[in-house]
Protein backbone atom coordinates (compact mmCIF):
# COMPACT_ATOMS: atom_id res chain seq x y z
CA UNK A 1 0.00 0.00 0.00
CA UNK A 2 1.34 3.42 -0.94
CA UNK A 3 2.29 5.78 1.86
CA UNK A 4 0.45 8.93 2.81
CA UNK A 5 0.98 11.66 0.24
CA UNK A 6 0.11 15.15 1.58
CA UNK A 7 -0.10 16.61 -1.92
CA UNK A 8 -2.67 14.02 -3.03
CA UNK A 9 -4.60 14.49 0.21
CA UNK A 10 -4.81 18.26 -0.34
CA UNK A 11 -5.82 17.69 -3.96
CA UNK A 12 -8.64 15.45 -2.78
CA UNK A 13 -9.73 18.02 -0.20
CA UNK A 14 -9.97 20.62 -2.96
CA UNK A 15 -13.05 18.79 -4.27
CA UNK A 16 -14.67 19.26 -0.87
CA UNK A 17 -14.54 23.06 -0.67
CA UNK A 18 -18.31 23.46 -0.13
CA UNK A 19 -18.34 20.83 2.60
CA UNK A 20 -15.30 22.32 4.35
CA UNK A 21 -16.87 25.79 4.19
CA UNK A 22 -20.08 24.58 5.83
CA UNK A 23 -18.24 22.61 8.52
CA UNK A 24 -16.01 25.57 9.38
CA UNK A 25 -18.88 28.03 9.47
CA UNK A 26 -20.97 25.73 11.65
CA UNK A 27 -18.15 25.60 14.20
CA UNK A 28 -17.79 29.38 14.06
CA UNK A 29 -21.51 29.78 14.76
CA UNK A 30 -21.22 27.63 17.87
CA UNK A 31 -18.16 29.57 19.01
CA UNK A 32 -19.94 32.88 18.40
CA UNK A 33 -22.99 31.74 20.35
CA UNK A 34 -20.77 31.19 23.38
CA UNK A 35 -18.72 34.38 23.08
CA UNK A 36 -20.87 37.05 21.39
CA UNK A 37 -24.46 35.72 21.66
CA UNK A 38 -26.17 39.10 21.22
CA UNK A 39 -24.20 40.10 18.14
CA UNK A 40 -24.53 36.74 16.40
CA UNK A 41 -28.26 36.75 17.14
CA UNK A 42 -28.60 39.98 15.19
CA UNK A 43 -26.56 39.05 12.12
CA UNK A 44 -26.37 35.26 12.22
CA UNK A 45 -29.20 34.69 9.76
CA UNK A 46 -27.77 37.03 7.13
CA UNK A 47 -24.27 35.57 7.58
CA UNK A 48 -25.67 32.06 7.14
CA UNK A 49 -27.44 33.07 3.95
CA UNK A 50 -24.19 34.54 2.64
CA UNK A 51 -22.28 31.34 3.41
CA UNK A 52 -24.98 29.21 1.77
CA UNK A 53 -24.72 31.43 -1.32
CA UNK A 54 -20.93 31.02 -1.42
CA UNK A 55 -21.32 27.27 -1.01
CA UNK A 56 -23.80 27.25 -3.91
CA UNK A 57 -21.26 29.16 -6.01
CA UNK A 58 -18.52 26.66 -5.16
CA UNK A 59 -20.84 23.77 -6.01
CA UNK A 60 -21.89 25.33 -9.31
CA UNK A 61 -18.26 26.04 -10.18
CA UNK A 62 -17.68 22.30 -10.18
CA UNK A 63 -19.82 22.03 -13.29
CA UNK A 64 -17.76 22.01 -16.47
CA UNK A 65 -18.51 24.72 -19.00
CA UNK A 66 -17.21 22.63 -21.87
CA UNK A 67 -18.84 22.84 -25.26
CA UNK A 68 -20.09 19.31 -24.90
CA UNK A 69 -22.17 20.28 -21.89
CA UNK A 70 -20.38 17.71 -19.78
CA UNK A 71 -19.59 17.87 -16.11
CA UNK A 72 -16.41 17.32 -14.19
CA UNK A 73 -16.69 13.75 -12.86
CA UNK A 74 -13.93 13.34 -10.33
CA UNK A 75 -13.32 10.87 -7.54
CA UNK A 76 -11.44 11.52 -4.31
CA UNK A 77 -10.03 9.46 -1.45
CA UNK A 78 -9.71 6.14 -3.32
CA UNK A 79 -9.59 2.85 -1.44
CA UNK A 80 -6.99 0.12 -1.95
CA UNK A 81 -8.81 -1.02 -5.09
CA UNK A 82 -8.77 2.48 -6.53
CA UNK A 83 -12.50 3.11 -6.03
CA UNK A 84 -13.24 6.65 -4.77
CA UNK A 85 -15.16 7.21 -1.55
CA UNK A 86 -16.27 10.69 -2.62
CA UNK A 87 -17.21 11.83 -6.12
CA UNK A 88 -18.12 15.10 -7.77
CA UNK A 89 -20.42 14.60 -10.73
CA UNK A 90 -23.52 16.20 -12.20
CA UNK A 91 -25.80 14.23 -9.91
CA UNK A 92 -23.99 15.44 -6.80
CA UNK A 93 -23.94 19.06 -7.96
CA UNK A 94 -27.69 19.18 -8.70
CA UNK A 95 -28.69 17.63 -5.39
CA UNK A 96 -26.33 19.84 -3.39
CA UNK A 97 -28.02 22.87 -4.92
CA UNK A 98 -31.38 21.49 -3.78
CA UNK A 99 -30.04 21.04 -0.23
CA UNK A 100 -28.71 24.60 -0.15
CA UNK A 101 -31.96 25.94 -1.55
CA UNK A 102 -34.02 24.21 1.15
CA UNK A 103 -31.62 25.47 3.82
CA UNK A 104 -31.84 29.05 2.52
CA UNK A 105 -35.63 29.04 2.80
CA UNK A 106 -35.31 27.65 6.33
CA UNK A 107 -32.93 30.42 7.38
CA UNK A 108 -35.19 33.12 5.92
CA UNK A 109 -38.19 31.73 7.81
CA UNK A 110 -36.21 31.41 11.05
CA UNK A 111 -35.46 35.14 11.09
CA UNK A 112 -39.09 36.10 11.87
CA UNK A 113 -39.34 35.38 15.59
CA UNK A 114 -36.15 36.48 17.37
CA UNK A 115 -37.82 36.64 20.77
CA UNK A 116 -39.98 33.54 20.94
CA UNK A 117 -38.58 30.19 19.86
CA UNK A 118 -34.98 31.19 19.34
CA UNK A 119 -35.23 30.01 15.75
CA UNK A 120 -32.66 32.58 14.66
CA UNK A 121 -30.19 31.65 17.41
CA UNK A 122 -26.73 30.52 16.42
CA UNK A 123 -27.41 27.00 17.67
CA UNK A 124 -30.45 26.64 15.38
CA UNK A 125 -28.51 27.95 12.38
CA UNK A 126 -25.53 25.72 13.19
CA UNK A 127 -27.78 22.65 13.22
CA UNK A 128 -29.11 23.58 9.79
CA UNK A 129 -25.58 24.06 8.46
CA UNK A 130 -24.27 20.80 9.93
CA UNK A 131 -27.28 18.93 8.57
CA UNK A 132 -26.58 20.25 5.06
CA UNK A 133 -22.93 19.25 5.54
CA UNK A 134 -24.09 15.68 6.14
CA UNK A 135 -26.41 15.80 3.13
CA UNK A 136 -23.47 16.70 0.89
CA UNK A 137 -21.96 13.30 1.61
CA UNK A 138 -25.22 11.57 0.74
CA UNK A 139 -24.98 13.07 -2.74
CA UNK A 140 -21.23 12.57 -3.25
CA UNK A 141 -20.45 9.56 -1.08
CA UNK A 142 -19.69 6.26 -2.79
CA UNK A 143 -18.43 4.36 0.22
CA UNK A 144 -21.23 2.97 2.38
CA UNK A 145 -19.46 4.07 5.56
CA UNK A 146 -18.99 7.57 4.15
CA UNK A 147 -22.67 7.67 3.21
CA UNK A 148 -23.74 6.35 6.61
CA UNK A 149 -21.74 9.01 8.47
CA UNK A 150 -23.30 11.67 6.27
CA UNK A 151 -26.75 10.24 6.95
CA UNK A 152 -26.28 10.24 10.71
CA UNK A 153 -24.87 13.78 10.66
CA UNK A 154 -28.00 14.91 8.84
CA UNK A 155 -30.29 12.88 11.09
CA UNK A 156 -28.77 13.89 14.45
CA UNK A 157 -29.08 17.55 13.53
CA UNK A 158 -32.66 16.84 12.46
CA UNK A 159 -33.55 15.27 15.81
CA UNK A 160 -32.27 18.37 17.61
CA UNK A 161 -34.10 20.71 15.25
CA UNK A 162 -37.39 18.93 15.95
CA UNK A 163 -36.87 19.16 19.70
CA UNK A 164 -35.42 22.66 19.63
CA UNK A 165 -38.33 24.10 21.63
CA UNK A 166 -37.57 22.15 24.79
CA UNK A 167 -40.47 23.77 26.66
CA UNK A 168 -42.99 22.61 24.05
CA UNK A 169 -44.62 19.23 24.76
CA UNK A 170 -45.39 18.52 21.09
CA UNK A 171 -41.77 19.19 20.15
CA UNK A 172 -40.50 16.78 22.81
CA UNK A 173 -42.90 14.05 21.71
CA UNK A 174 -42.06 14.51 18.05
CA UNK A 175 -38.32 14.55 18.70
CA UNK A 176 -38.39 11.41 20.86
CA UNK A 177 -40.49 9.53 18.32
CA UNK A 178 -38.26 10.69 15.48
CA UNK A 179 -35.09 9.75 17.39
CA UNK A 180 -36.22 6.30 18.55
CA UNK A 181 -37.56 5.24 15.16
CA UNK A 182 -34.59 6.87 13.43
CA UNK A 183 -32.15 4.92 15.61
CA UNK A 184 -34.01 1.70 14.80
CA UNK A 185 -33.88 2.49 11.09
CA UNK A 186 -30.15 3.24 11.31
CA UNK A 187 -29.54 -0.11 12.97
CA UNK A 188 -31.50 -1.90 10.26
CA UNK A 189 -29.56 -0.02 7.60
CA UNK A 190 -26.23 -0.97 9.18
CA UNK A 191 -27.24 -4.62 9.34
CA UNK A 192 -28.18 -4.47 5.67
CA UNK A 193 -24.80 -2.93 4.85
CA UNK A 194 -23.04 -5.73 6.73
CA UNK A 195 -24.93 -8.38 4.74
CA UNK A 196 -24.13 -6.68 1.44
CA UNK A 197 -20.48 -6.52 2.46
CA UNK A 198 -20.52 -10.21 3.36
CA UNK A 199 -22.05 -11.09 0.00
CA UNK A 200 -19.82 -8.88 -2.17
CA UNK A 201 -16.65 -8.31 -0.16
CA UNK A 202 -16.85 -4.54 -0.58
CA UNK A 203 -18.46 -1.51 1.06
CA UNK A 204 -17.71 0.72 -1.92
CA UNK A 205 -20.56 1.17 -4.39
CA UNK A 206 -18.29 0.66 -7.38
CA UNK A 207 -16.73 -2.40 -5.75
CA UNK A 208 -20.19 -3.84 -5.06
CA UNK A 209 -21.25 -3.24 -8.67
CA UNK A 210 -18.08 -4.91 -9.97
CA UNK A 211 -18.61 -7.89 -7.68
CA UNK A 212 -22.21 -8.34 -8.81
CA UNK A 213 -21.22 -8.00 -12.48
CA UNK A 214 -18.61 -10.74 -12.15
CA UNK A 215 -20.52 -13.27 -10.06
CA UNK A 216 -24.15 -14.30 -10.36
CA UNK A 217 -23.97 -17.02 -7.76
CA UNK A 218 -22.74 -17.22 -4.21
CA UNK A 219 -24.44 -15.51 -1.31
CA UNK A 220 -27.49 -14.37 -3.26
CA UNK A 221 -29.73 -14.80 -0.22
CA UNK A 222 -27.53 -12.61 1.97
CA UNK A 223 -27.33 -10.03 -0.77
CA UNK A 224 -31.10 -9.94 -1.27
CA UNK A 225 -31.79 -9.62 2.45
CA UNK A 226 -29.14 -6.93 2.75
CA UNK A 227 -30.67 -4.90 -0.08
CA UNK A 228 -34.13 -5.19 1.48
CA UNK A 229 -32.87 -4.06 4.89
CA UNK A 230 -31.04 -1.12 3.32
CA UNK A 231 -34.23 -0.14 1.53
CA UNK A 232 -36.14 -0.30 4.82
CA UNK A 233 -33.57 1.94 6.52
CA UNK A 234 -33.56 4.51 3.72
CA UNK A 235 -37.34 4.23 3.36
CA UNK A 236 -37.65 5.61 6.89
CA UNK A 237 -35.55 8.63 5.95
CA UNK A 238 -37.70 9.45 2.90
CA UNK A 239 -40.88 8.84 4.95
CA UNK A 240 -42.25 6.20 2.60
CA UNK A 241 -45.15 4.00 3.74
CA UNK A 242 -45.04 1.99 5.99
CA UNK A 243 -42.01 3.76 7.51
CA UNK A 244 -43.64 7.18 7.70
CA UNK A 245 -45.33 7.34 11.09
CA UNK A 246 -42.69 9.61 12.60
CA UNK A 247 -43.32 12.36 10.06
CA UNK A 248 -46.69 13.83 11.19
CA UNK A 249 -45.66 14.18 14.84
CA UNK A 250 -42.19 15.49 14.00
CA UNK A 251 -43.53 17.99 11.46
CA UNK A 252 -46.24 19.22 13.84
CA UNK A 253 -44.00 19.46 16.89
CA UNK A 254 -41.05 21.19 15.26
CA UNK A 255 -40.88 24.91 14.65
CA UNK A 256 -42.21 25.77 11.19
CA UNK A 257 -38.77 26.59 9.74
CA UNK A 258 -37.46 23.26 11.00
CA UNK A 259 -40.49 21.47 9.54
CA UNK A 260 -39.82 23.10 6.18
CA UNK A 261 -36.22 21.92 6.37
CA UNK A 262 -37.24 18.33 7.09
CA UNK A 263 -39.80 18.34 4.28
CA UNK A 264 -37.47 19.78 1.64
CA UNK A 265 -33.71 19.53 2.14
CA UNK A 266 -33.73 16.46 4.41
CA UNK A 267 -36.12 14.57 2.13
CA UNK A 268 -33.98 15.43 -0.89
CA UNK A 269 -30.91 14.20 1.00
CA UNK A 270 -32.51 10.84 1.68
CA UNK A 271 -33.50 10.50 -1.97
CA UNK A 272 -29.97 11.40 -3.04
CA UNK A 273 -28.71 8.51 -0.93
CA UNK A 274 -31.35 6.15 -2.27
CA UNK A 275 -30.51 7.00 -5.87
CA UNK A 276 -26.74 6.92 -5.40
CA UNK A 277 -26.79 3.52 -3.70
CA UNK A 278 -29.35 1.72 -5.83
CA UNK A 279 -28.33 3.14 -9.21
CA UNK A 280 -24.56 2.87 -8.71
CA UNK A 281 -24.28 -0.39 -6.76
CA UNK A 282 -27.43 -2.28 -7.74
CA UNK A 283 -28.34 -0.69 -11.06
CA UNK A 284 -27.81 -3.92 -13.00
CA UNK A 285 -30.18 -5.72 -10.59
CA UNK A 286 -33.00 -3.19 -10.98
CA UNK A 287 -35.48 -5.84 -12.05
CA UNK A 288 -34.97 -7.49 -8.63
CA UNK A 289 -35.56 -4.47 -6.37
CA UNK A 290 -37.98 -2.45 -8.52
CA UNK A 291 -41.07 -4.55 -7.60
CA UNK A 292 -40.60 -3.75 -3.91
CA UNK A 293 -40.24 -0.06 -4.70
CA UNK A 294 -43.40 -0.20 -6.80
CA UNK A 295 -45.29 -1.37 -3.72
CA UNK A 296 -43.72 1.38 -1.62
CA UNK A 297 -44.60 4.02 -4.23
CA UNK A 298 -48.22 2.95 -4.60
CA UNK A 299 -48.70 2.63 -0.83
CA UNK A 300 -47.04 5.98 -0.10
CA UNK A 301 -49.14 7.86 -2.64
CA UNK A 302 -52.38 6.31 -1.47
CA UNK A 303 -51.91 6.28 2.30
CA UNK A 304 -50.32 9.73 2.40
CA UNK A 305 -53.07 11.44 0.44
CA UNK A 306 -55.95 9.63 2.15
CA UNK A 307 -54.55 10.41 5.61
CA UNK A 308 -54.19 14.09 4.68
CA UNK A 309 -57.91 14.34 3.87
CA UNK A 310 -59.02 14.53 7.51
CA UNK A 311 -56.31 16.81 8.88
CA UNK A 312 -57.27 20.20 10.29
CA UNK A 313 -53.70 21.03 11.27
CA UNK A 314 -52.06 22.32 8.11
CA UNK A 315 -48.58 21.17 9.16
CA UNK A 316 -49.84 17.62 9.68
CA UNK A 317 -51.68 17.90 6.38
CA UNK A 318 -48.48 18.85 4.61
CA UNK A 319 -46.64 16.07 6.46
CA UNK A 320 -48.96 13.42 5.05
CA UNK A 321 -48.82 15.21 1.71
CA UNK A 322 -45.03 14.83 1.76
CA UNK A 323 -45.50 11.08 2.24
CA UNK A 324 -47.57 11.04 -0.94
CA UNK A 325 -44.94 13.05 -2.78
CA UNK A 326 -42.30 10.51 -1.72
CA UNK A 327 -44.36 7.94 -3.62
CA UNK A 328 -44.34 10.12 -6.73
CA UNK A 329 -40.57 10.56 -6.57
CA UNK A 330 -40.03 6.81 -6.21
CA UNK A 331 -41.56 6.41 -9.66
CA UNK A 332 -38.47 8.01 -11.18
CA UNK A 333 -36.16 5.57 -9.42
CA UNK A 334 -38.36 2.66 -10.47
CA UNK A 335 -38.03 3.77 -14.09
CA UNK A 336 -34.25 3.74 -13.72
CA UNK A 337 -34.33 0.25 -12.24
CA UNK A 338 -36.53 -1.12 -15.02
CA UNK A 339 -34.77 0.71 -17.85
CA UNK A 340 -33.05 -2.52 -18.90
CA UNK A 341 -29.98 -0.71 -20.15
CA UNK A 342 -31.98 1.83 -22.15
CA UNK A 343 -29.99 5.03 -21.63
CA UNK A 344 -32.88 7.30 -22.62
CA UNK A 345 -35.27 5.82 -20.03
CA UNK A 346 -32.58 5.84 -17.36
CA UNK A 347 -31.85 9.49 -18.13
CA UNK A 348 -35.54 10.41 -17.96
CA UNK A 349 -35.89 8.70 -14.58
CA UNK A 350 -32.95 10.56 -13.02
CA UNK A 351 -33.92 13.88 -14.61
CA UNK A 352 -37.53 13.58 -13.44
CA UNK A 353 -36.49 13.00 -9.82
CA UNK A 354 -34.13 15.98 -9.74
CA UNK A 355 -36.62 18.26 -11.50
CA UNK A 356 -39.48 17.25 -9.24
CA UNK A 357 -37.46 17.79 -6.07
CA UNK A 358 -36.53 21.29 -7.23
CA UNK A 359 -40.19 22.11 -7.89
CA UNK A 360 -41.35 20.43 -4.68
CA UNK A 361 -38.80 22.41 -2.64
CA UNK A 362 -40.10 25.75 -3.90
CA UNK A 363 -43.77 24.89 -3.40
CA UNK A 364 -43.39 23.17 -0.03
CA UNK A 365 -41.07 25.78 1.46
CA UNK A 366 -43.46 28.48 0.27
CA UNK A 367 -46.44 26.74 1.87
CA UNK A 368 -44.64 26.44 5.21
CA UNK A 369 -43.60 30.08 4.97
CA UNK A 370 -47.31 30.96 4.86
CA UNK A 371 -47.83 28.91 8.01
CA UNK A 372 -45.00 30.85 9.66
CA UNK A 373 -46.63 34.07 8.52
CA UNK A 374 -49.78 33.32 10.55
CA UNK A 375 -47.98 32.78 13.84
CA UNK A 376 -48.99 35.46 16.33
CA UNK A 377 -48.76 36.08 20.08
CA UNK A 378 -46.84 32.84 20.55
CA UNK A 379 -49.61 30.80 18.90
CA UNK A 380 -48.62 28.49 16.02
CA UNK A 381 -51.20 29.70 13.49
CA UNK A 382 -51.19 26.31 11.82
CA UNK A 383 -54.82 25.27 12.11
CA UNK A 384 -57.11 25.45 9.09
CA UNK A 385 -59.27 28.09 10.80
CA UNK A 386 -56.24 30.35 11.10
CA UNK A 387 -56.29 30.74 7.32
CA UNK A 388 -59.89 32.03 7.27
CA UNK A 389 -60.12 35.32 5.39
CA UNK A 390 -56.37 35.54 4.77
CA UNK A 391 -57.01 37.12 1.37
CA UNK A 392 -58.35 40.24 3.11
CA UNK A 393 -55.38 40.46 5.45
CA UNK A 394 -52.64 39.78 2.89
CA UNK A 395 -53.83 39.36 -0.73
CA UNK A 396 -50.36 38.76 -2.23
CA UNK A 397 -49.47 36.02 0.24
CA UNK A 398 -52.88 34.43 -0.37
CA UNK A 399 -52.27 34.30 -4.12
CA UNK A 400 -48.84 32.79 -3.50
CA UNK A 401 -50.38 30.09 -1.27
CA UNK A 402 -52.88 29.33 -4.02
CA UNK A 403 -49.99 28.92 -6.44
CA UNK A 404 -48.09 26.62 -4.05
CA UNK A 405 -51.07 24.36 -3.42
CA UNK A 406 -52.02 24.12 -7.10
CA UNK A 407 -48.42 23.22 -7.89
CA UNK A 408 -48.33 20.51 -5.23
CA UNK A 409 -51.57 19.12 -6.65
CA UNK A 410 -50.07 19.08 -10.15
CA UNK A 411 -52.68 21.26 -11.84
CA UNK A 412 -51.83 22.02 -15.52
CA UNK A 413 -49.88 25.23 -16.18
CA UNK A 414 -48.16 24.98 -12.79
CA UNK A 415 -44.63 23.88 -11.95
CA UNK A 416 -45.95 20.77 -10.20
CA UNK A 417 -47.65 19.66 -13.39
CA UNK A 418 -44.32 19.83 -15.22
CA UNK A 419 -42.65 17.71 -12.55
CA UNK A 420 -45.40 15.11 -12.49
CA UNK A 421 -45.48 15.00 -16.29
CA UNK A 422 -41.86 13.88 -16.32
CA UNK A 423 -42.29 11.42 -13.43
CA UNK A 424 -45.48 9.82 -14.73
CA UNK A 425 -44.01 9.70 -18.22
CA UNK A 426 -40.99 7.83 -16.88
CA UNK A 427 -43.28 5.20 -15.34
CA UNK A 428 -45.20 4.84 -18.60
CA UNK A 429 -41.92 4.36 -20.49
CA UNK A 430 -41.29 1.15 -18.49
CA UNK A 431 -44.87 -0.06 -19.04
CA UNK A 432 -46.13 0.85 -15.57
CA UNK A 433 -49.25 2.52 -16.90
CA UNK A 434 -51.30 1.29 -13.94
CA UNK A 435 -48.88 2.97 -11.49
CA UNK A 436 -49.15 6.22 -13.44
CA UNK A 437 -52.95 5.95 -13.22
CA UNK A 438 -52.70 5.42 -9.46
CA UNK A 439 -50.52 8.53 -9.25
CA UNK A 440 -53.00 10.59 -11.26
CA UNK A 441 -55.91 9.45 -9.09
CA UNK A 442 -53.96 10.34 -5.96
CA UNK A 443 -53.22 13.76 -7.40
CA UNK A 444 -56.98 14.24 -7.79
CA UNK A 445 -57.51 13.17 -4.16
CA UNK A 446 -54.84 15.63 -3.00
CA UNK A 447 -56.69 18.46 -4.72
CA UNK A 448 -59.53 18.01 -2.20
CA UNK A 449 -57.49 18.74 0.92
CA UNK A 450 -55.50 21.48 -0.78
CA UNK A 451 -58.88 22.98 -1.75
CA UNK A 452 -59.87 23.05 1.92
CA UNK A 453 -57.04 25.50 2.55
CA UNK A 454 -57.99 27.54 -0.52
CA UNK A 455 -61.60 27.77 0.63
CA UNK A 456 -60.49 28.97 4.05
CA UNK A 457 -58.30 31.65 2.49
CA UNK A 458 -60.60 32.98 -0.20
CA UNK A 459 -64.19 32.17 0.85
CA UNK A 460 -64.49 31.97 4.61
CA UNK A 461 -64.60 35.09 6.73
CA UNK A 462 -61.84 35.79 9.18
CA UNK A 463 -62.08 37.26 12.65
CA UNK A 464 -61.76 40.84 11.44
CA UNK A 465 -58.08 41.26 12.18
CA UNK A 466 -56.05 44.01 10.53
CA UNK A 467 -53.65 43.44 7.66
CA UNK A 468 -50.59 41.31 8.41
CA UNK A 469 -47.19 42.99 8.56
CA UNK A 470 -44.66 40.62 7.02
CA UNK A 471 -40.96 40.86 7.98
CA UNK A 472 -38.52 41.27 5.10
CA UNK A 473 -36.91 37.80 5.36
CA UNK A 474 -40.27 36.05 5.33
CA UNK A 475 -41.45 38.23 2.46
CA UNK A 476 -38.33 37.24 0.55
CA UNK A 477 -38.99 33.54 1.19
CA UNK A 478 -42.62 33.73 0.07
CA UNK A 479 -41.82 35.96 -2.89
CA UNK A 480 -38.92 33.85 -4.16
CA UNK A 481 -40.85 30.61 -3.78
CA UNK A 482 -43.87 32.09 -5.54
CA UNK A 483 -41.82 33.60 -8.36
CA UNK A 484 -39.91 30.43 -9.16
CA UNK A 485 -43.02 28.27 -8.87
CA UNK A 486 -44.72 30.55 -11.38
CA UNK A 487 -41.72 30.77 -13.73
CA UNK A 488 -41.12 27.03 -13.83
CA UNK A 489 -44.76 26.49 -14.67
CA UNK A 490 -44.63 28.70 -17.77
CA UNK A 491 -40.97 28.38 -18.76
CA UNK A 492 -39.42 25.18 -17.34
CA UNK A 493 -36.59 24.77 -19.86
CA UNK A 494 -33.77 26.30 -17.72
CA UNK A 495 -34.61 24.03 -14.79
CA UNK A 496 -34.95 21.02 -17.06
CA UNK A 497 -31.46 21.76 -18.40
CA UNK A 498 -30.15 22.06 -14.85
CA UNK A 499 -31.86 18.84 -13.77
CA UNK A 500 -30.38 17.09 -16.81
CA UNK A 501 -26.98 17.27 -15.13
CA UNK A 502 -28.30 14.76 -12.58
CA UNK A 503 -28.20 12.16 -15.34
CA UNK A 504 -24.41 12.37 -15.27
CA UNK A 505 -23.76 9.97 -12.42
CA UNK A 506 -20.13 8.89 -12.31
CA UNK A 507 -19.64 5.19 -12.94
CA UNK A 508 -23.36 4.41 -13.20
């Protein structure tokens, strides 16, 4: 084995500039909270936004501007077999931008209530930053241990974000439930990893793929069980049925900015892991694992949307809605698994997932920003009745909420329709017409509970309160989410081109 080479180590670290920036800034936030708590409380949110913007620039700079429209696909920290544990490719770049986008919306929302929940405190911001740091490794990691450490970094920060309001009973209950079930899922995932390692002799995704390509016999039973257990563990993180029961309590108990973060960036991180592992390591065995994912997708869409029908708490409603959206996103991965070597179908599946998660992030973050807008006098403002007559108190925000909900429902001429068009089309390409029909029917069902919120906003009378004064950061969050949701609906080509980079997955 070659000795340690500092020059090579530094060269490898150069591909981790965004990650190193986030880790360093997170530590600085914690240091500042202990030394200059008042000052960091005043400027911490804006500083965090600036760092997220710099990180996004560094991530984007890793895209190649070559005439062929390619992307720099580079591996770092190779193992003894030469397989990298960390890669920078188009897939990683696109998903990292989604993580940073979700985090930026969270920070903007957290700057509204400096004197109530401490959402703008340095500790809250540091948890968001550290969680995004972990997500980066879910997108770029190709060693299962590297990916697992990234997952736990993301998850541990998530547990603390849910329980951040220690004096709030709902937050404590949601955090404990999230932590206990999350720990169980992590154990199941680790056991699955151990079985896959025993069957293939490698914990590197490329090494696993090479082992499976060269040997069709051997420990097939251990491999199959390992793959199933890994899917169960990751299924918990994406809140797919039947591993979703933590989501409603965690979403309801957490502060609204933290809930938005879990529903957007954290969900995208879990899907990045799912795609990276199953496409890179088990892509050639897609016909074996796709049937199980088909069941998860159909169950998630159906259970999530039906459960949302009877919710009067809008955060719980959106939690169950996110379960349904997880089912939609799984359709893209299923298309990749059943592509049978067809590059065009595989590309459509990966593109549709990335595009949909971009669109979903804008619409979902915007919807939660409206929930944050209604908080008053220490009361959450998350019940359906709190939205009564909102159009009279803030017409622009009401129109934005209408746009977000129509997009989530997938109504034509909205961004959500574009995303679902690509996802459903990917399923049809692999002859899963019945699954596409199930998805369409569930989209129709979702329109009913989204319409309940619309009726409250535009038809019901409120309690006669005066117009709402919206802080600048929250206005920016709602305005940006509304603008991009509208633009993608009428002119999606730039985002489709961006999402197309996700097709460029190194070694897959």
